[in-house]
C-alpha atoms as a PDB file:
ATOM      1  CA  MET A   1     120.263  58.390  57.328  1.00  0.00           C
ATOM      2  CA  SER A   2     118.163  60.356  59.775  1.00  0.00           C
ATOM      3  CA  THR A   3     119.592  62.166  62.812  1.00  0.00           C
ATOM      4  CA  ARG A   4     117.724  62.488  66.044  1.00  0.00           C
ATOM      5  CA  SER A   5     117.899  65.792  67.978  1.00  0.00           C
ATOM      6  CA  SER A   6     117.347  65.927  71.749  1.00  0.00           C
ATOM      7  CA  ALA A   7     116.573  69.670  72.005  1.00  0.00           C
ATOM      8  CA  PHE A   8     113.291  71.328  73.057  1.00  0.00           C
ATOM      9  CA  THR A   9     110.926  72.563  70.405  1.00  0.00           C
ATOM     10  CA  LEU A  10     109.716  76.148  70.263  1.00  0.00           C
ATOM     11  CA  ILE A  11     106.184  75.052  71.252  1.00  0.00           C
ATOM     12  CA  GLU A  12     107.455  73.303  74.394  1.00  0.00           C
ATOM     13  CA  LEU A  13     109.410  76.404  75.443  1.00  0.00           C
ATOM     14  CA  LEU A  14     106.380  78.665  74.884  1.00  0.00           C
ATOM     15  CA  VAL A  15     104.168  76.362  76.998  1.00  0.00           C
ATOM     16  CA  VAL A  16     106.692  76.424  79.859  1.00  0.00           C
ATOM     17  CA  ILE A  17     106.968  80.237  79.688  1.00  0.00           C
ATOM     18  CA  ALA A  18     103.147  80.560  79.683  1.00  0.00           C
ATOM     19  CA  ILE A  19     102.866  78.314  82.776  1.00  0.00           C
ATOM     20  CA  ILE A  20     105.530  80.334  84.609  1.00  0.00           C
ATOM     21  CA  GLY A  21     103.717  83.576  83.679  1.00  0.00           C
ATOM     22  CA  ILE A  22     100.396  82.299  85.030  1.00  0.00           C
ATOM     23  CA  LEU A  23     101.971  81.128  88.284  1.00  0.00           C
ATOM     24  CA  SER A  24     103.758  84.444  88.812  1.00  0.00           C
ATOM     25  CA  ALA A  25     100.536  86.399  88.159  1.00  0.00           C
ATOM     26  CA  VAL A  26      98.662  84.338  90.762  1.00  0.00           C
ATOM     27  CA  GLY A  27     101.537  84.772  93.218  1.00  0.00           C
ATOM     28  CA  THR A  28     101.629  88.542  92.728  1.00  0.00           C
ATOM     29  CA  VAL A  29      97.887  88.915  93.403  1.00  0.00           C
ATOM     30  CA  ALA A  30      98.150  86.761  96.535  1.00  0.00           C
ATOM     31  CA  TYR A  31     101.184  88.740  97.755  1.00  0.00           C
ATOM     32  CA  ASN A  32      99.453  92.107  97.256  1.00  0.00           C
ATOM     33  CA  GLY A  33      96.442  90.867  99.229  1.00  0.00           C
ATOM     34  CA  TYR A  34      98.734  89.735 102.021  1.00  0.00           C
ATOM     35  CA  ILE A  35     100.537  93.103 102.133  1.00  0.00           C
ATOM     36  CA  GLY A  36      97.232  95.018 102.199  1.00  0.00           C
ATOM     37  CA  GLY A  37      95.941  92.890 105.058  1.00  0.00           C
ATOM     38  CA  THR A  38      99.171  93.375 106.985  1.00  0.00           C
ATOM     39  CA  LYS A  39      99.015  97.164 106.602  1.00  0.00           C
ATOM     40  CA  LYS A  40      95.402  97.179 107.782  1.00  0.00           C
ATOM     41  CA  LYS A  41      96.290  95.056 110.820  1.00  0.00           C
ATOM     42  CA  ALA A  42      99.189  97.404 111.667  1.00  0.00           C
ATOM     43  CA  ALA A  43      96.806 100.394 111.518  1.00  0.00           C
ATOM     44  CA  GLU A  44      94.365  98.541 113.797  1.00  0.00           C
ATOM     45  CA  ASN A  45      97.195  97.989 116.287  1.00  0.00           C
ATOM     46  CA  VAL A  46      98.033 101.711 116.240  1.00  0.00           C
ATOM     47  CA  LEU A  47      94.338 102.498 116.791  1.00  0.00           C
ATOM     48  CA  MET A  48      94.386 100.235 119.859  1.00  0.00           C
ATOM     49  CA  GLN A  49      97.481 102.076 121.178  1.00  0.00           C
ATOM     50  CA  ILE A  50      95.771 105.432 120.633  1.00  0.00           C
ATOM     51  CA  GLY A  51      92.711 104.075 122.442  1.00  0.00           C
ATOM     52  CA  LEU A  52      94.887 103.186 125.437  1.00  0.00           C
ATOM     53  CA  ALA A  53      96.450 106.658 125.301  1.00  0.00           C
ATOM     54  CA  GLN A  54      92.917 108.108 125.284  1.00  0.00           C
ATOM     55  CA  THR A  55      92.189 106.237 128.522  1.00  0.00           C
ATOM     56  CA  ASP A  56      95.355 107.664 130.053  1.00  0.00           C
ATOM     57  CA  HIS A  57      94.425 111.152 128.820  1.00  0.00           C
ATOM     58  CA  TYR A  58      90.961 110.811 130.368  1.00  0.00           C
ATOM     59  CA  ALA A  59      92.483 109.758 133.696  1.00  0.00           C
ATOM     60  CA  SER A  60      94.814 112.784 133.653  1.00  0.00           C
ATOM     61  CA  CYS A  61      92.522 115.474 132.251  1.00  0.00           C
ATOM     62  CA  GLY A  62      88.957 114.318 132.810  1.00  0.00           C
ATOM     63  CA  THR A  63      88.149 114.515 129.093  1.00  0.00           C
ATOM     64  CA  TYR A  64      89.057 112.575 125.976  1.00  0.00           C
ATOM     65  CA  TYR A  65      91.599 113.953 123.539  1.00  0.00           C
ATOM     66  CA  SER A  66      90.597 115.616 120.276  1.00  0.00           C
ATOM     67  CA  THR A  67      93.093 116.647 117.580  1.00  0.00           C
ATOM     68  CA  SER A  68      91.290 119.949 116.993  1.00  0.00           C
ATOM     69  CA  ASP A  69      91.299 120.971 120.671  1.00  0.00           C
ATOM     70  CA  GLY A  70      94.656 119.790 122.004  1.00  0.00           C
ATOM     71  CA  TYR A  71      95.969 118.279 125.199  1.00  0.00           C
ATOM     72  CA  CYS A  72      93.852 118.669 128.369  1.00  0.00           C
ATOM     73  CA  VAL A  73      91.423 121.073 126.699  1.00  0.00           C
ATOM     74  CA  PRO A  74      87.715 120.275 127.020  1.00  0.00           C
ATOM     75  CA  PRO A  75      86.606 119.155 123.557  1.00  0.00           C
ATOM     76  CA  THR A  76      84.131 120.983 121.398  1.00  0.00           C
ATOM     77  CA  ALA A  77      81.239 118.793 120.292  1.00  0.00           C
ATOM     78  CA  GLU A  78      82.566 117.339 117.036  1.00  0.00           C
ATOM     79  CA  THR A  79      81.036 114.534 115.043  1.00  0.00           C
ATOM     80  CA  GLU A  80      83.752 114.160 112.386  1.00  0.00           C
ATOM     81  CA  CYS A  81      87.428 114.683 111.688  1.00  0.00           C
ATOM     82  CA  THR A  82      89.553 114.464 108.571  1.00  0.00           C
ATOM     83  CA  PRO A  83      92.832 112.564 108.984  1.00  0.00           C
ATOM     84  CA  SER A  84      95.880 114.342 107.621  1.00  0.00           C
ATOM     85  CA  LYS A  85      99.617 114.324 108.112  1.00  0.00           C
ATOM     86  CA  GLY A  86      99.217 117.194 110.589  1.00  0.00           C
ATOM     87  CA  THR A  87      96.589 115.451 112.734  1.00  0.00           C
ATOM     88  CA  THR A  88      98.650 112.262 112.699  1.00  0.00           C
ATOM     89  CA  GLU A  89     101.740 114.116 113.957  1.00  0.00           C
ATOM     90  CA  THR A  90      99.641 116.008 116.526  1.00  0.00           C
ATOM     91  CA  ILE A  91      98.382 112.752 118.033  1.00  0.00           C
ATOM     92  CA  GLY A  92     101.957 111.476 118.149  1.00  0.00           C
ATOM     93  CA  THR A  93     103.166 114.630 119.886  1.00  0.00           C
ATOM     94  CA  ASP A  94     100.282 115.138 122.318  1.00  0.00           C
ATOM     95  CA  LEU A  95      99.592 111.537 123.346  1.00  0.00           C
ATOM     96  CA  PHE A  96     102.972 109.831 122.873  1.00  0.00           C
ATOM     97  CA  GLY A  97     105.531 112.616 123.213  1.00  0.00           C
ATOM     98  CA  LYS A  98     107.018 112.404 119.715  1.00  0.00           C
ATOM     99  CA  PRO A  99     105.473 113.404 116.384  1.00  0.00           C
ATOM    100  CA  SER A 100     106.990 110.515 114.491  1.00  0.00           C
ATOM    101  CA  TYR A 101     105.451 107.858 116.758  1.00  0.00           C
ATOM    102  CA  ILE A 102     102.499 107.165 114.459  1.00  0.00           C
ATOM    103  CA  LYS A 103     103.658 109.151 111.435  1.00  0.00           C
ATOM    104  CA  LEU A 104     102.147 107.680 108.262  1.00  0.00           C
ATOM    105  CA  GLN A 105     101.781 104.176 109.640  1.00  0.00           C
ATOM    106  CA  ASN A 106     101.818 102.030 106.499  1.00  0.00           C
ATOM    107  CA  GLY A 107      99.981 104.647 104.477  1.00  0.00           C
ATOM    108  CA  PHE A 108      97.278 105.354 107.082  1.00  0.00           C
ATOM    109  CA  LEU A 109      96.563 108.806 108.496  1.00  0.00           C
ATOM    110  CA  PHE A 110      94.906 109.332 111.894  1.00  0.00           C
ATOM    111  CA  CYS A 111      92.691 111.867 113.670  1.00  0.00           C
ATOM    112  CA  SER A 112      90.606 111.950 116.839  1.00  0.00           C
ATOM    113  CA  PHE A 113      87.360 113.689 117.687  1.00  0.00           C
ATOM    114  CA  SER A 114      85.139 113.792 120.734  1.00  0.00           C
ATOM    115  CA  PRO A 115      81.430 114.579 120.620  1.00  0.00           C
ATOM    116  CA  GLY A 116      81.520 115.205 124.388  1.00  0.00           C
ATOM    117  CA  THR A 117      83.574 114.516 127.480  1.00  0.00           C
ATOM    118  CA  THR A 118      82.511 110.882 127.821  1.00  0.00           C
ATOM    119  CA  SER A 119      83.173 109.510 124.341  1.00  0.00           C
ATOM    120  CA  TYR A 120      85.695 109.658 121.505  1.00  0.00           C
ATOM    121  CA  THR A 121      86.369 108.235 118.077  1.00  0.00           C
ATOM    122  CA  VAL A 122      89.798 107.771 116.508  1.00  0.00           C
ATOM    123  CA  ARG A 123      89.775 107.424 112.737  1.00  0.00           C
ATOM    124  CA  ALA A 124      92.383 105.959 110.405  1.00  0.00           C
ATOM    125  CA  VAL A 125      92.104 106.406 106.641  1.00  0.00           C
ATOM    126  CA  GLY A 126      94.351 104.796 104.043  1.00  0.00           C
ATOM    127  CA  LEU A 127      94.766 102.122 101.373  1.00  0.00           C
ATOM    128  CA  GLY A 128      92.422 103.846  98.973  1.00  0.00           C
ATOM    129  CA  ASP A 129      88.989 103.945 100.575  1.00  0.00           C
ATOM    130  CA  CYS A 130      89.734 102.022 103.774  1.00  0.00           C
ATOM    131  CA  GLN A 131      88.468 103.748 106.941  1.00  0.00           C
ATOM    132  CA  LEU A 132      88.908 102.289 110.419  1.00  0.00           C
ATOM    133  CA  ASP A 133      87.306 103.719 113.582  1.00  0.00           C
ATOM    134  CA  ILE A 134      87.763 102.896 117.253  1.00  0.00           C
ATOM    135  CA  ASP A 135      85.651 104.331 120.064  1.00  0.00           C
ATOM    136  CA  GLU A 136      85.694 104.351 123.861  1.00  0.00           C
ATOM    137  CA  SER A 137      84.378 100.766 123.962  1.00  0.00           C
ATOM    138  CA  GLY A 138      87.599  99.593 122.274  1.00  0.00           C
ATOM    139  CA  SER A 139      85.823  98.009 119.319  1.00  0.00           C
ATOM    140  CA  ILE A 140      87.226  98.639 115.847  1.00  0.00           C
ATOM    141  CA  ASP A 141      84.767  99.339 113.044  1.00  0.00           C
ATOM    142  CA  ASP A 142      86.293  98.201 109.741  1.00  0.00           C
ATOM    143  CA  SER A 143      83.045  98.082 107.748  1.00  0.00           C
ATOM    144  CA  ALA A 144      84.307 100.864 105.481  1.00  0.00           C
ATOM    145  CA  CYS A 145      87.309  98.841 104.236  1.00  0.00           C
END
């Protein structure tokens, strides 16, 4: 007499586990891409807010704001800035009234420089090599991301 078993074989279980592993790997990669894109978009939104604050600063002081010069101080002719935790908090304090307003927004750090009284650039750096810039025209340059 032969008996018939209705259980799964070891091969069938290994195939199912392999399929689940492949699906979870694909899902993890897609999720990480989504999170990275969301963080970049949040930094772009903060750049837009800083750009609006720059317009307000210009209306009040007659010059654009620079993190190295401070509030309502005519800027020195700078062509670069290096974002850091300090410059990020300075922008929050000087333009928004509280240092934590833009503090480490999703891993991005911010700074602002002004090559003269009629132009500015705000820079955000984060997510590895990603660099975002906005200028007085309001356009965001994300070519370095």
